[in-house]
Amino acid sequence: MVPYGKRLIELRGKKSQAEAAKGIGIATSTLGMYETEQRIPRDSIKIAIADYYGKSVQDIFFTP
């Protein structure tokens, strides 16, 4: 898996972590851990993140 934390931060843009986390359906602290790559989201959460940002799971988590 390629570094994805920075990509998640870029996709979030000017939205707060709380706003993005609510839209994805996860806790703010969980999103923070994904953005700092302290945790790897399970597949169902990867799909929810991709849907929220309008990207593919491949683009976010596997494309260098």
PDB file of N, CA and C in Angstrom:
ATOM      1  N   MET A   1       0.846  -1.178   0.000  1.00  0.00           N
ATOM      2  CA  MET A   1       0.000   0.000   0.000  1.00  0.00           C
ATOM      3  C   MET A   1       0.893   1.244   0.000  1.00  0.00           C
ATOM      4  N   VAL A   2       0.547   2.193  -0.824  1.00  0.00           N
ATOM      5  CA  VAL A   2       1.324   3.432  -0.912  1.00  0.00           C
ATOM      6  C   VAL A   2       0.898   4.384   0.205  1.00  0.00           C
ATOM      7  N   PRO A   3       1.728   5.382   0.516  1.00  0.00           N
ATOM      8  CA  PRO A   3       1.318   6.366   1.527  1.00  0.00           C
ATOM      9  C   PRO A   3       0.018   7.065   1.109  1.00  0.00           C
ATOM     10  N   TYR A   4      -0.990   6.949   1.918  1.00  0.00           N
ATOM     11  CA  TYR A   4      -2.315   7.469   1.582  1.00  0.00           C
ATOM     12  C   TYR A   4      -2.746   8.624   2.491  1.00  0.00           C
ATOM     13  N   GLY A   5      -2.067   8.813   3.612  1.00  0.00           N
ATOM     14  CA  GLY A   5      -2.470   9.836   4.578  1.00  0.00           C
ATOM     15  C   GLY A   5      -2.492  11.230   3.990  1.00  0.00           C
ATOM     16  N   LYS A   6      -1.428  11.578   3.277  1.00  0.00           N
ATOM     17  CA  LYS A   6      -1.342  12.902   2.668  1.00  0.00           C
ATOM     18  C   LYS A   6      -2.452  13.088   1.635  1.00  0.00           C
ATOM     19  N   ARG A   7      -2.754  12.028   0.893  1.00  0.00           N
ATOM     20  CA  ARG A   7      -3.817  12.099  -0.108  1.00  0.00           C
ATOM     21  C   ARG A   7      -5.169  12.346   0.568  1.00  0.00           C
ATOM     22  N   LEU A   8      -5.404  11.700   1.703  1.00  0.00           N
ATOM     23  CA  LEU A   8      -6.663  11.918   2.421  1.00  0.00           C
ATOM     24  C   LEU A   8      -6.773  13.370   2.894  1.00  0.00           C
ATOM     25  N   ILE A   9      -5.678  13.912   3.375  1.00  0.00           N
ATOM     26  CA  ILE A   9      -5.671  15.311   3.827  1.00  0.00           C
ATOM     27  C   ILE A   9      -5.950  16.243   2.652  1.00  0.00           C
ATOM     28  N   GLU A  10      -5.326  15.976   1.512  1.00  0.00           N
ATOM     29  CA  GLU A  10      -5.549  16.809   0.322  1.00  0.00           C
ATOM     30  C   GLU A  10      -6.999  16.717  -0.147  1.00  0.00           C
ATOM     31  N   LEU A  11      -7.569  15.529  -0.126  1.00  0.00           N
ATOM     32  CA  LEU A  11      -8.955  15.357  -0.558  1.00  0.00           C
ATOM     33  C   LEU A  11      -9.922  16.083   0.374  1.00  0.00           C
ATOM     34  N   ARG A  12      -9.607  16.095   1.654  1.00  0.00           N
ATOM     35  CA  ARG A  12     -10.469  16.771   2.636  1.00  0.00           C
ATOM     36  C   ARG A  12     -10.497  18.273   2.397  1.00  0.00           C
ATOM     37  N   GLY A  13      -9.400  18.821   1.910  1.00  0.00           N
ATOM     38  CA  GLY A  13      -9.341  20.244   1.592  1.00  0.00           C
ATOM     39  C   GLY A  13      -9.594  21.111   2.805  1.00  0.00           C
ATOM     40  N   LYS A  14     -10.538  22.044   2.683  1.00  0.00           N
ATOM     41  CA  LYS A  14     -10.814  23.000   3.761  1.00  0.00           C
ATOM     42  C   LYS A  14     -11.859  22.502   4.752  1.00  0.00           C
ATOM     43  N   LYS A  15     -12.387  21.322   4.521  1.00  0.00           N
ATOM     44  CA  LYS A  15     -13.349  20.755   5.467  1.00  0.00           C
ATOM     45  C   LYS A  15     -12.613  20.361   6.742  1.00  0.00           C
ATOM     46  N   SER A  16     -13.300  20.439   7.852  1.00  0.00           N
ATOM     47  CA  SER A  16     -12.702  19.990   9.112  1.00  0.00           C
ATOM     48  C   SER A  16     -12.707  18.460   9.142  1.00  0.00           C
ATOM     49  N   GLN A  17     -11.851  17.905   9.983  1.00  0.00           N
ATOM     50  CA  GLN A  17     -11.858  16.453  10.157  1.00  0.00           C
ATOM     51  C   GLN A  17     -13.227  15.991  10.639  1.00  0.00           C
ATOM     52  N   ALA A  18     -13.833  16.757  11.529  1.00  0.00           N
ATOM     53  CA  ALA A  18     -15.140  16.382  12.070  1.00  0.00           C
ATOM     54  C   ALA A  18     -16.201  16.316  10.974  1.00  0.00           C
ATOM     55  N   GLU A  19     -16.187  17.292  10.082  1.00  0.00           N
ATOM     56  CA  GLU A  19     -17.167  17.334   8.998  1.00  0.00           C
ATOM     57  C   GLU A  19     -16.974  16.150   8.051  1.00  0.00           C
ATOM     58  N   ALA A  20     -15.729  15.902   7.666  1.00  0.00           N
ATOM     59  CA  ALA A  20     -15.455  14.788   6.757  1.00  0.00           C
ATOM     60  C   ALA A  20     -15.769  13.449   7.426  1.00  0.00           C
ATOM     61  N   ALA A  21     -15.378  13.295   8.675  1.00  0.00           N
ATOM     62  CA  ALA A  21     -15.633  12.038   9.385  1.00  0.00           C
ATOM     63  C   ALA A  21     -17.129  11.760   9.479  1.00  0.00           C
ATOM     64  N   LYS A  22     -17.910  12.795   9.773  1.00  0.00           N
ATOM     65  CA  LYS A  22     -19.363  12.623   9.856  1.00  0.00           C
ATOM     66  C   LYS A  22     -19.925  12.182   8.509  1.00  0.00           C
ATOM     67  N   GLY A  23     -19.450  12.796   7.425  1.00  0.00           N
ATOM     68  CA  GLY A  23     -19.911  12.431   6.093  1.00  0.00           C
ATOM     69  C   GLY A  23     -19.544  11.004   5.711  1.00  0.00           C
ATOM     70  N   ILE A  24     -18.397  10.553   6.184  1.00  0.00           N
ATOM     71  CA  ILE A  24     -17.946   9.191   5.885  1.00  0.00           C
ATOM     72  C   ILE A  24     -18.653   8.187   6.797  1.00  0.00           C
ATOM     73  N   GLY A  25     -18.974   8.625   8.019  1.00  0.00           N
ATOM     74  CA  GLY A  25     -19.631   7.747   8.979  1.00  0.00           C
ATOM     75  C   GLY A  25     -18.666   7.101   9.958  1.00  0.00           C
ATOM     76  N   ILE A  26     -17.581   7.816  10.258  1.00  0.00           N
ATOM     77  CA  ILE A  26     -16.583   7.327  11.214  1.00  0.00           C
ATOM     78  C   ILE A  26     -16.303   8.414  12.243  1.00  0.00           C
ATOM     79  N   ALA A  27     -15.604   8.047  13.303  1.00  0.00           N
ATOM     80  CA  ALA A  27     -15.238   9.019  14.336  1.00  0.00           C
ATOM     81  C   ALA A  27     -14.143   9.946  13.829  1.00  0.00           C
ATOM     82  N   THR A  28     -14.136  11.166  14.334  1.00  0.00           N
ATOM     83  CA  THR A  28     -13.109  12.138  13.961  1.00  0.00           C
ATOM     84  C   THR A  28     -11.713  11.607  14.282  1.00  0.00           C
ATOM     85  N   SER A  29     -11.571  10.988  15.440  1.00  0.00           N
ATOM     86  CA  SER A  29     -10.260  10.445  15.824  1.00  0.00           C
ATOM     87  C   SER A  29      -9.811   9.336  14.876  1.00  0.00           C
ATOM     88  N   THR A  30     -10.757   8.576  14.376  1.00  0.00           N
ATOM     89  CA  THR A  30     -10.425   7.505  13.432  1.00  0.00           C
ATOM     90  C   THR A  30      -9.904   8.101  12.133  1.00  0.00           C
ATOM     91  N   LEU A  31     -10.565   9.126  11.626  1.00  0.00           N
ATOM     92  CA  LEU A  31     -10.094   9.790  10.411  1.00  0.00           C
ATOM     93  C   LEU A  31      -8.698  10.350  10.633  1.00  0.00           C
ATOM     94  N   GLY A  32      -8.471  10.934  11.795  1.00  0.00           N
ATOM     95  CA  GLY A  32      -7.146  11.461  12.121  1.00  0.00           C
ATOM     96  C   GLY A  32      -6.081  10.370  12.073  1.00  0.00           C
ATOM     97  N   MET A  33      -6.421   9.199  12.575  1.00  0.00           N
ATOM     98  CA  MET A  33      -5.454   8.090  12.541  1.00  0.00           C
ATOM     99  C   MET A  33      -5.199   7.605  11.117  1.00  0.00           C
ATOM    100  N   TYR A  34      -6.224   7.643  10.281  1.00  0.00           N
ATOM    101  CA  TYR A  34      -6.026   7.277   8.871  1.00  0.00           C
ATOM    102  C   TYR A  34      -5.136   8.315   8.185  1.00  0.00           C
ATOM    103  N   GLU A  35      -5.379   9.586   8.469  1.00  0.00           N
ATOM    104  CA  GLU A  35      -4.600  10.650   7.831  1.00  0.00           C
ATOM    105  C   GLU A  35      -3.136  10.640   8.265  1.00  0.00           C
ATOM    106  N   THR A  36      -2.862  10.177   9.465  1.00  0.00           N
ATOM    107  CA  THR A  36      -1.475  10.083   9.940  1.00  0.00           C
ATOM    108  C   THR A  36      -0.910   8.681   9.745  1.00  0.00           C
ATOM    109  N   GLU A  37      -1.696   7.836   9.118  1.00  0.00           N
ATOM    110  CA  GLU A  37      -1.324   6.454   8.788  1.00  0.00           C
ATOM    111  C   GLU A  37      -0.978   5.623  10.024  1.00  0.00           C
ATOM    112  N   GLN A  38      -1.632   5.931  11.136  1.00  0.00           N
ATOM    113  CA  GLN A  38      -1.488   5.122  12.346  1.00  0.00           C
ATOM    114  C   GLN A  38      -2.385   3.896  12.282  1.00  0.00           C
ATOM    115  N   ARG A  39      -3.405   3.961  11.442  1.00  0.00           N
ATOM    116  CA  ARG A  39      -4.308   2.834  11.225  1.00  0.00           C
ATOM    117  C   ARG A  39      -4.591   2.717   9.739  1.00  0.00           C
ATOM    118  N   ILE A  40      -4.884   1.494   9.308  1.00  0.00           N
ATOM    119  CA  ILE A  40      -5.277   1.236   7.926  1.00  0.00           C
ATOM    120  C   ILE A  40      -6.769   0.912   7.942  1.00  0.00           C
ATOM    121  N   PRO A  41      -7.551   1.625   7.148  1.00  0.00           N
ATOM    122  CA  PRO A  41      -8.996   1.347   7.167  1.00  0.00           C
ATOM    123  C   PRO A  41      -9.312  -0.024   6.582  1.00  0.00           C
ATOM    124  N   ARG A  42     -10.326  -0.670   7.152  1.00  0.00           N
ATOM    125  CA  ARG A  42     -10.769  -1.940   6.572  1.00  0.00           C
ATOM    126  C   ARG A  42     -11.455  -1.643   5.241  1.00  0.00           C
ATOM    127  N   ASP A  43     -11.676  -2.674   4.461  1.00  0.00           N
ATOM    128  CA  ASP A  43     -12.164  -2.487   3.093  1.00  0.00           C
ATOM    129  C   ASP A  43     -13.483  -1.716   3.027  1.00  0.00           C
ATOM    130  N   SER A  44     -14.407  -2.005   3.923  1.00  0.00           N
ATOM    131  CA  SER A  44     -15.696  -1.308   3.872  1.00  0.00           C
ATOM    132  C   SER A  44     -15.529   0.192   4.136  1.00  0.00           C
ATOM    133  N   ILE A  45     -14.581   0.557   4.977  1.00  0.00           N
ATOM    134  CA  ILE A  45     -14.323   1.981   5.246  1.00  0.00           C
ATOM    135  C   ILE A  45     -13.594   2.613   4.059  1.00  0.00           C
ATOM    136  N   LYS A  46     -12.691   1.880   3.429  1.00  0.00           N
ATOM    137  CA  LYS A  46     -12.037   2.402   2.220  1.00  0.00           C
ATOM    138  C   LYS A  46     -13.086   2.758   1.176  1.00  0.00           C
ATOM    139  N   ILE A  47     -14.089   1.912   1.030  1.00  0.00           N
ATOM    140  CA  ILE A  47     -15.151   2.167   0.055  1.00  0.00           C
ATOM    141  C   ILE A  47     -15.949   3.409   0.453  1.00  0.00           C
ATOM    142  N   ALA A  48     -16.266   3.540   1.744  1.00  0.00           N
ATOM    143  CA  ALA A  48     -17.013   4.713   2.215  1.00  0.00           C
ATOM    144  C   ALA A  48     -16.222   5.997   1.996  1.00  0.00           C
ATOM    145  N   ILE A  49     -14.911   5.951   2.251  1.00  0.00           N
ATOM    146  CA  ILE A  49     -14.051   7.116   2.026  1.00  0.00           C
ATOM    147  C   ILE A  49     -14.031   7.473   0.543  1.00  0.00           C
ATOM    148  N   ALA A  50     -13.849   6.473  -0.304  1.00  0.00           N
ATOM    149  CA  ALA A  50     -13.805   6.701  -1.752  1.00  0.00           C
ATOM    150  C   ALA A  50     -15.125   7.297  -2.247  1.00  0.00           C
ATOM    151  N   ASP A  51     -16.245   6.764  -1.768  1.00  0.00           N
ATOM    152  CA  ASP A  51     -17.555   7.289  -2.156  1.00  0.00           C
ATOM    153  C   ASP A  51     -17.714   8.747  -1.708  1.00  0.00           C
ATOM    154  N   TYR A  52     -17.297   9.035  -0.487  1.00  0.00           N
ATOM    155  CA  TYR A  52     -17.427  10.394   0.044  1.00  0.00           C
ATOM    156  C   TYR A  52     -16.644  11.398  -0.798  1.00  0.00           C
ATOM    157  N   TYR A  53     -15.433  11.025  -1.199  1.00  0.00           N
ATOM    158  CA  TYR A  53     -14.594  11.945  -1.959  1.00  0.00           C
ATOM    159  C   TYR A  53     -14.788  11.826  -3.473  1.00  0.00           C
ATOM    160  N   GLY A  54     -15.614  10.901  -3.931  1.00  0.00           N
ATOM    161  CA  GLY A  54     -15.867  10.755  -5.356  1.00  0.00           C
ATOM    162  C   GLY A  54     -14.671  10.215  -6.120  1.00  0.00           C
ATOM    163  N   LYS A  55     -13.893   9.385  -5.465  1.00  0.00           N
ATOM    164  CA  LYS A  55     -12.710   8.775  -6.074  1.00  0.00           C
ATOM    165  C   LYS A  55     -12.837   7.271  -5.972  1.00  0.00           C
ATOM    166  N   SER A  56     -11.920   6.555  -6.605  1.00  0.00           N
ATOM    167  CA  SER A  56     -11.912   5.099  -6.466  1.00  0.00           C
ATOM    168  C   SER A  56     -10.983   4.717  -5.318  1.00  0.00           C
ATOM    169  N   VAL A  57     -11.234   3.559  -4.745  1.00  0.00           N
ATOM    170  CA  VAL A  57     -10.355   3.033  -3.697  1.00  0.00           C
ATOM    171  C   VAL A  57      -8.935   2.920  -4.244  1.00  0.00           C
ATOM    172  N   GLN A  58      -8.819   2.490  -5.479  1.00  0.00           N
ATOM    173  CA  GLN A  58      -7.517   2.349  -6.132  1.00  0.00           C
ATOM    174  C   GLN A  58      -6.770   3.685  -6.151  1.00  0.00           C
ATOM    175  N   ASP A  59      -7.455   4.746  -6.552  1.00  0.00           N
ATOM    176  CA  ASP A  59      -6.831   6.071  -6.636  1.00  0.00           C
ATOM    177  C   ASP A  59      -6.338   6.568  -5.280  1.00  0.00           C
ATOM    178  N   ILE A  60      -7.092   6.309  -4.236  1.00  0.00           N
ATOM    179  CA  ILE A  60      -6.737   6.830  -2.915  1.00  0.00           C
ATOM    180  C   ILE A  60      -5.679   5.985  -2.231  1.00  0.00           C
ATOM    181  N   PHE A  61      -5.846   4.678  -2.253  1.00  0.00           N
ATOM    182  CA  PHE A  61      -5.032   3.818  -1.410  1.00  0.00           C
ATOM    183  C   PHE A  61      -3.930   3.040  -2.128  1.00  0.00           C
ATOM    184  N   PHE A  62      -3.999   2.921  -3.437  1.00  0.00           N
ATOM    185  CA  PHE A  62      -3.038   2.056  -4.117  1.00  0.00           C
ATOM    186  C   PHE A  62      -2.254   2.695  -5.251  1.00  0.00           C
ATOM    187  N   THR A  63      -2.633   3.883  -5.692  1.00  0.00           N
ATOM    188  CA  THR A  63      -1.914   4.547  -6.773  1.00  0.00           C
ATOM    189  C   THR A  63      -0.824   5.442  -6.189  1.00  0.00           C
ATOM    190  N   PRO A  64       0.412   5.248  -6.640  1.00  0.00           N
ATOM    191  CA  PRO A  64       1.516   6.080  -6.099  1.00  0.00           C
ATOM    192  C   PRO A  64       1.372   7.546  -6.470  1.00  0.00           C
TER     193      PRO A  64
END
